[in-house]
Amino acid sequence: MTFPPFLKPGDTVGVVSPASWFPYDELTEGLRILRNDWHLNVIEGDSVRAVDGPFAGSDDLRRADLQRLFDDPAVRAVFTTRGGYGCYRIADDLDLTGLIANPKWLIGFSDVTMLLSLLYVNDVGSLHGLMLRQFGQPNRAESQESVRQWLFGEIPDRYTVAAHPCNRPGQATGPLIGGNLTLLINSIGTSTDVDFSGAVLFIEDIDETLFSLDRMMTQLRRSGRLAQLAGLVVGQFTDMRSNPSLPFGKDAAGIIADAVAAYSYPVLFDFPAGHVEYNLALPIGRRVGISVGKEFGEMQFATDG
């Protein structure tokens, strides 16, 4: 796995909207932070101002926008502006030749999981973290700072998480994979289907029914993916919906715990990442350790990556 060089003041970065559109003025503070606080030279893609139905421009425009930034050797990182929906439609036709020759950071989460997985299967690391539209929003300072630290080489030694009743104790190491569970499920059997063997899987999601969550976890079990893991990290499952006429009887944590009950690897619940204000950046592809005990759990970052 190749990781891009860390950023330094004066580097050039790109900003792109590979999925859903949003009002351009919501990007003002994020652009200011990149330019004035982080002292980066910013290239704005055409997609950040484009609208085509629910998308930030047509598939061709968004793909071409991302391709230009991937191909430009001067660009050291690509910040996505938001998720929503759209990355799934453009992933297969991207040419990563330029990015592999000159690795650069890709930062995002949610729908951007599709692009993070695309880089992973091509042996390039990326960053699951806050998107630029969210920079400067209330209660996002710690999440934003975690992105900056990873990009500028101020790597934390570990993240520590309070104990959760569904945690399964143990220790494991492996490459960190994952992101949005729905996108991971939709990647099975495609060119962005990542290798689960010996990996530490991170999952999160938003606005799904409990039945859908159970179906997705069952799909991972039936396809053999869950049995292959070294460990599991469960992030935030936000705004989950129950069917009032047919209650499921368990919450998201209970559904996930049941799905992995047959395995012995450690499971760390309630990790602060996903569609929440406290959304810690995670280095997809980097070798990590997880240690789950009775009092707390940790994700540890090896110094050699």
Protein backbone atom coordinates (compact mmCIF):
# COMPACT_ATOMS: atom_id res chain seq x y z
CA MET A 1 0.00 0.00 0.00
CA THR A 2 1.38 3.39 -1.06
CA PHE A 3 0.57 6.48 0.97
CA PRO A 4 0.88 9.99 -0.47
CA PRO A 5 3.48 12.40 0.89
CA PHE A 6 2.28 14.59 3.74
CA LEU A 7 1.23 18.13 2.87
CA LYS A 8 3.18 21.26 3.65
CA PRO A 9 2.26 24.96 3.39
CA GLY A 10 2.35 26.14 -0.22
CA ASP A 11 1.25 22.80 -1.70
CA THR A 12 -1.48 22.74 -4.34
CA VAL A 13 -4.70 20.86 -3.61
CA GLY A 14 -7.90 20.33 -5.56
CA VAL A 15 -11.54 20.63 -4.53
CA VAL A 16 -14.17 18.55 -6.31
CA SER A 17 -17.84 17.57 -5.95
CA PRO A 18 -18.05 13.96 -7.20
CA ALA A 19 -21.59 13.30 -5.96
CA SER A 20 -24.50 15.56 -4.95
CA TRP A 21 -24.67 19.31 -5.46
CA PHE A 22 -25.09 22.04 -2.83
CA PRO A 23 -25.13 25.86 -2.79
CA TYR A 24 -21.63 27.11 -3.57
CA ASP A 25 -21.66 29.66 -0.74
CA GLU A 26 -21.69 26.78 1.78
CA LEU A 27 -18.09 26.15 0.69
CA THR A 28 -16.86 29.64 1.58
CA GLU A 29 -15.50 28.84 5.04
CA GLY A 30 -13.87 25.59 3.95
CA LEU A 31 -12.04 27.32 1.12
CA ARG A 32 -10.95 30.07 3.49
CA ILE A 33 -9.52 27.52 5.92
CA LEU A 34 -7.54 25.76 3.19
CA ARG A 35 -6.15 29.01 1.79
CA ASN A 36 -5.68 31.20 4.86
CA ASP A 37 -5.28 28.81 7.79
CA TRP A 38 -3.59 25.83 6.15
CA HIS A 39 -1.75 28.00 3.57
CA LEU A 40 -2.54 25.80 0.58
CA ASN A 41 -2.96 26.75 -3.07
CA VAL A 42 -6.48 25.66 -4.06
CA ILE A 43 -7.79 24.61 -7.48
CA GLU A 44 -11.59 24.56 -7.63
CA GLY A 45 -13.12 22.03 -10.01
CA ASP A 46 -16.04 22.93 -12.25
CA SER A 47 -18.26 20.53 -10.32
CA VAL A 48 -18.31 22.68 -7.17
CA ARG A 49 -20.65 25.15 -8.94
CA ALA A 50 -22.48 22.70 -11.22
CA VAL A 51 -26.00 21.31 -10.91
CA ASP A 52 -27.59 18.49 -12.90
CA GLY A 53 -30.66 17.13 -11.16
CA PRO A 54 -29.43 15.81 -7.78
CA PHE A 55 -25.81 15.76 -8.97
CA ALA A 56 -23.00 18.32 -9.01
CA GLY A 57 -23.00 18.31 -12.80
CA SER A 58 -23.32 15.42 -15.22
CA ASP A 59 -21.49 12.14 -14.74
CA ASP A 60 -19.08 13.17 -17.49
CA LEU A 61 -18.37 16.54 -15.87
CA ARG A 62 -17.79 15.10 -12.40
CA ARG A 63 -15.62 12.31 -13.75
CA ALA A 64 -13.56 14.70 -15.88
CA ASP A 65 -13.17 17.05 -12.90
CA LEU A 66 -11.81 14.28 -10.72
CA GLN A 67 -9.65 12.92 -13.54
CA ARG A 68 -7.95 16.29 -14.08
CA LEU A 69 -7.01 16.49 -10.43
CA PHE A 70 -5.81 12.88 -10.35
CA ASP A 71 -3.66 13.47 -13.45
CA ASP A 72 -2.13 16.78 -12.37
CA PRO A 73 1.25 15.98 -10.72
CA ALA A 74 1.23 19.37 -8.97
CA VAL A 75 -1.92 18.48 -7.00
CA ARG A 76 -0.99 16.87 -3.65
CA ALA A 77 -4.50 16.24 -2.26
CA VAL A 78 -8.11 16.15 -3.46
CA PHE A 79 -10.78 17.37 -1.04
CA THR A 80 -14.32 16.23 -1.76
CA THR A 81 -17.03 18.70 -0.81
CA ARG A 82 -19.94 16.42 0.09
CA GLY A 83 -21.35 12.93 -0.36
CA GLY A 84 -24.98 12.24 -1.11
CA TYR A 85 -25.06 10.11 -4.24
CA GLY A 86 -23.05 10.03 -7.44
CA CYS A 87 -19.60 8.47 -6.91
CA TYR A 88 -21.01 5.03 -7.68
CA ARG A 89 -21.86 6.22 -11.21
CA ILE A 90 -18.36 7.44 -12.13
CA ALA A 91 -15.90 5.12 -10.36
CA ASP A 92 -15.43 2.52 -13.10
CA ASP A 93 -14.29 4.91 -15.83
CA LEU A 94 -11.62 6.73 -13.85
CA ASP A 95 -8.01 6.19 -14.95
CA LEU A 96 -5.70 6.00 -11.93
CA THR A 97 -2.45 5.90 -13.90
CA GLY A 98 -1.54 9.48 -13.02
CA LEU A 99 -2.55 9.16 -9.38
CA ILE A 100 -0.55 5.94 -8.93
CA ALA A 101 2.50 7.58 -10.51
CA ASN A 102 2.11 10.63 -8.23
CA PRO A 103 0.08 9.53 -5.19
CA LYS A 104 -2.09 12.19 -3.60
CA TRP A 105 -4.54 12.24 -0.71
CA LEU A 106 -8.25 11.79 -1.33
CA ILE A 107 -10.39 12.97 1.58
CA GLY A 108 -14.06 12.24 2.18
CA PHE A 109 -16.60 9.77 3.55
CA SER A 110 -20.19 8.59 3.04
CA ASP A 111 -20.74 8.23 -0.74
CA VAL A 112 -17.02 8.91 -1.24
CA THR A 113 -16.45 5.44 0.27
CA MET A 114 -16.76 4.22 -3.33
CA LEU A 115 -13.70 6.26 -4.36
CA LEU A 116 -11.73 5.36 -1.22
CA SER A 117 -12.35 1.69 -2.08
CA LEU A 118 -11.26 2.29 -5.67
CA LEU A 119 -7.93 3.64 -4.44
CA TYR A 120 -7.57 0.80 -1.93
CA VAL A 121 -7.92 -1.95 -4.54
CA ASN A 122 -5.23 -0.09 -6.51
CA ASP A 123 -2.90 -0.06 -3.47
CA VAL A 124 -3.18 3.67 -2.69
CA GLY A 125 -4.10 4.86 0.80
CA SER A 126 -6.66 7.61 1.46
CA LEU A 127 -8.39 9.45 4.30
CA HIS A 128 -11.93 8.79 5.53
CA GLY A 129 -12.83 12.11 7.07
CA LEU A 130 -14.70 15.38 7.15
CA MET A 131 -15.62 16.89 3.77
CA LEU A 132 -14.90 20.50 2.89
CA ARG A 133 -18.50 21.72 3.05
CA GLN A 134 -18.45 20.76 6.75
CA PHE A 135 -15.27 22.68 7.59
CA GLY A 136 -15.97 25.50 9.98
CA GLN A 137 -19.40 24.23 10.98
CA PRO A 138 -20.32 24.31 14.69
CA ASN A 139 -18.87 21.48 16.80
CA ARG A 140 -16.65 20.25 13.97
CA ALA A 141 -13.34 21.66 15.22
CA GLU A 142 -11.94 18.35 16.51
CA SER A 143 -13.01 16.47 13.40
CA GLN A 144 -11.45 19.13 11.17
CA GLU A 145 -8.25 19.10 13.20
CA SER A 146 -7.95 15.32 12.88
CA VAL A 147 -8.01 15.71 9.08
CA ARG A 148 -5.31 18.38 9.24
CA GLN A 149 -3.12 16.27 11.50
CA TRP A 150 -3.20 13.26 9.19
CA LEU A 151 -2.59 15.31 6.06
CA PHE A 152 0.33 17.26 7.55
CA GLY A 153 2.01 14.24 9.13
CA GLU A 154 1.06 14.89 12.76
CA ILE A 155 -0.10 11.29 13.17
CA PRO A 156 -1.85 10.49 16.45
CA ASP A 157 -0.55 7.56 18.42
CA ARG A 158 -4.04 6.22 19.03
CA TYR A 159 -7.75 6.95 19.34
CA THR A 160 -9.37 5.91 22.63
CA VAL A 161 -13.08 5.06 22.91
CA ALA A 162 -15.25 4.50 25.99
CA ALA A 163 -16.44 0.97 26.72
CA HIS A 164 -19.65 -0.27 25.08
CA PRO A 165 -21.79 -3.18 26.31
CA CYS A 166 -21.60 -4.91 22.93
CA ASN A 167 -17.79 -4.75 22.72
CA ARG A 168 -15.94 -8.05 22.32
CA PRO A 169 -12.51 -7.98 23.99
CA GLY A 170 -9.32 -8.84 22.22
CA GLN A 171 -6.52 -7.49 20.09
CA ALA A 172 -5.98 -7.48 16.34
CA THR A 173 -3.90 -5.84 13.64
CA GLY A 174 -4.46 -5.44 9.93
CA PRO A 175 -5.02 -2.95 7.13
CA LEU A 176 -7.94 -0.62 7.78
CA ILE A 177 -10.74 -0.95 5.22
CA GLY A 178 -14.32 0.21 5.00
CA GLY A 179 -16.51 3.24 5.32
CA ASN A 180 -20.20 3.51 4.53
CA LEU A 181 -21.80 0.07 4.84
CA THR A 182 -24.32 0.56 2.02
CA LEU A 183 -21.54 1.46 -0.42
CA LEU A 184 -19.43 -1.51 0.71
CA ILE A 185 -22.37 -3.85 0.09
CA ASN A 186 -23.00 -2.31 -3.33
CA SER A 187 -19.34 -2.91 -4.22
CA ILE A 188 -19.49 -6.69 -3.77
CA GLY A 189 -18.72 -8.36 -7.09
CA THR A 190 -17.50 -5.11 -8.69
CA SER A 191 -14.12 -3.50 -9.35
CA THR A 192 -14.32 -1.70 -5.97
CA ASP A 193 -14.87 -4.87 -3.92
CA VAL A 194 -12.08 -4.72 -1.31
CA ASP A 195 -10.28 -7.72 0.14
CA PHE A 196 -11.54 -8.40 3.67
CA SER A 197 -8.90 -11.06 4.43
CA GLY A 198 -7.00 -10.22 7.61
CA ALA A 199 -8.34 -6.66 7.62
CA VAL A 200 -9.79 -4.42 10.30
CA LEU A 201 -13.17 -3.37 8.93
CA PHE A 202 -14.76 -0.03 9.84
CA ILE A 203 -18.48 0.50 9.10
CA GLU A 204 -20.97 3.35 9.50
CA ASP A 205 -24.24 4.41 7.92
CA ILE A 206 -27.17 6.83 8.03
CA ASP A 207 -30.92 6.84 7.39
CA GLU A 208 -31.36 3.10 6.88
CA THR A 209 -34.03 0.84 8.33
CA LEU A 210 -33.05 -1.74 10.91
CA PHE A 211 -34.26 -4.40 8.49
CA SER A 212 -31.87 -3.03 5.83
CA LEU A 213 -28.99 -3.09 8.29
CA ASP A 214 -29.74 -6.69 9.20
CA ARG A 215 -29.92 -7.59 5.50
CA MET A 216 -26.56 -5.93 4.80
CA MET A 217 -24.84 -7.63 7.73
CA THR A 218 -26.35 -10.94 6.67
CA GLN A 219 -25.00 -10.36 3.16
CA LEU A 220 -21.50 -9.88 4.58
CA ARG A 221 -21.88 -13.07 6.58
CA ARG A 222 -23.34 -15.12 3.71
CA SER A 223 -20.64 -13.94 1.30
CA GLY A 224 -17.91 -15.01 3.73
CA ARG A 225 -16.60 -11.50 4.30
CA LEU A 226 -17.19 -11.39 8.05
CA ALA A 227 -15.36 -14.67 8.61
CA GLN A 228 -12.23 -13.24 6.94
CA LEU A 229 -11.74 -10.26 9.26
CA ALA A 230 -9.04 -9.66 11.85
CA GLY A 231 -11.30 -7.21 13.70
CA LEU A 232 -14.35 -4.98 13.40
CA VAL A 233 -14.80 -1.29 14.29
CA VAL A 234 -18.41 -0.10 14.41
CA GLY A 235 -18.86 3.61 13.86
CA GLN A 236 -22.00 5.69 14.10
CA PHE A 237 -25.28 4.45 12.69
CA THR A 238 -27.24 7.68 12.54
CA ASP A 239 -30.99 8.25 12.16
CA MET A 240 -31.77 4.54 11.90
CA ARG A 241 -35.46 3.86 11.29
CA SER A 242 -37.73 1.18 12.72
CA ASN A 243 -40.95 -0.13 11.19
CA PRO A 244 -43.68 0.80 13.70
CA SER A 245 -46.01 -1.94 12.46
CA LEU A 246 -43.31 -4.63 12.71
CA PRO A 247 -40.64 -3.64 15.26
CA PHE A 248 -37.28 -5.33 14.81
CA GLY A 249 -36.69 -5.65 18.54
CA LYS A 250 -33.00 -4.73 18.47
CA ASP A 251 -31.02 -1.58 17.83
CA ALA A 252 -28.18 -1.23 15.34
CA ALA A 253 -25.53 -2.40 17.82
CA GLY A 254 -27.54 -5.48 18.68
CA ILE A 255 -28.02 -6.39 15.02
CA ILE A 256 -24.31 -6.06 14.28
CA ALA A 257 -23.33 -7.99 17.43
CA ASP A 258 -25.60 -10.86 16.38
CA ALA A 259 -24.11 -10.90 12.87
CA VAL A 260 -20.57 -11.43 14.18
CA ALA A 261 -21.44 -13.65 17.16
CA ALA A 262 -19.96 -16.75 15.52
CA TYR A 263 -16.48 -15.22 15.23
CA SER A 264 -13.81 -14.64 17.85
CA TYR A 265 -12.10 -11.42 16.70
CA PRO A 266 -12.36 -8.20 18.72
CA VAL A 267 -15.23 -5.83 18.02
CA LEU A 268 -15.10 -2.14 19.00
CA PHE A 269 -18.47 -0.35 19.08
CA ASP A 270 -19.45 3.32 19.16
CA PHE A 271 -16.33 4.57 17.40
CA PRO A 272 -16.60 8.35 16.77
CA ALA A 273 -16.70 8.38 12.97
CA GLY A 274 -19.55 8.67 10.49
CA HIS A 275 -22.46 11.05 9.98
CA VAL A 276 -21.95 12.84 13.30
CA GLU A 277 -20.27 16.05 14.44
CA TYR A 278 -17.39 14.20 16.11
CA ASN A 279 -16.06 12.38 13.05
CA LEU A 280 -12.42 11.37 13.50
CA ALA A 281 -10.31 10.93 10.37
CA LEU A 282 -9.31 7.35 9.52
CA PRO A 283 -6.42 6.31 7.23
CA ILE A 284 -7.91 3.76 4.85
CA GLY A 285 -5.27 1.20 3.88
CA ARG A 286 -2.96 1.91 6.80
CA ARG A 287 -2.06 -0.95 9.13
CA VAL A 288 -3.77 -0.37 12.48
CA GLY A 289 -4.18 -2.19 15.74
CA ILE A 290 -7.30 -2.44 17.82
CA SER A 291 -7.35 -3.32 21.49
CA VAL A 292 -10.69 -3.84 23.19
CA GLY A 293 -10.90 -4.22 26.96
CA LYS A 294 -13.47 -3.90 29.73
CA GLU A 295 -12.78 -0.24 30.47
CA PHE A 296 -12.14 1.19 26.98
CA GLY A 297 -11.08 0.39 23.45
CA GLU A 298 -8.33 1.78 21.25
CA MET A 299 -7.32 2.07 17.64
CA GLN A 300 -3.55 2.32 17.40
CA PHE A 301 -1.50 3.50 14.44
CA ALA A 302 1.78 1.80 13.60
CA THR A 303 4.60 4.26 13.02
CA ASP A 304 5.69 2.44 9.85
CA GLY A 305 2.22 2.63 8.27
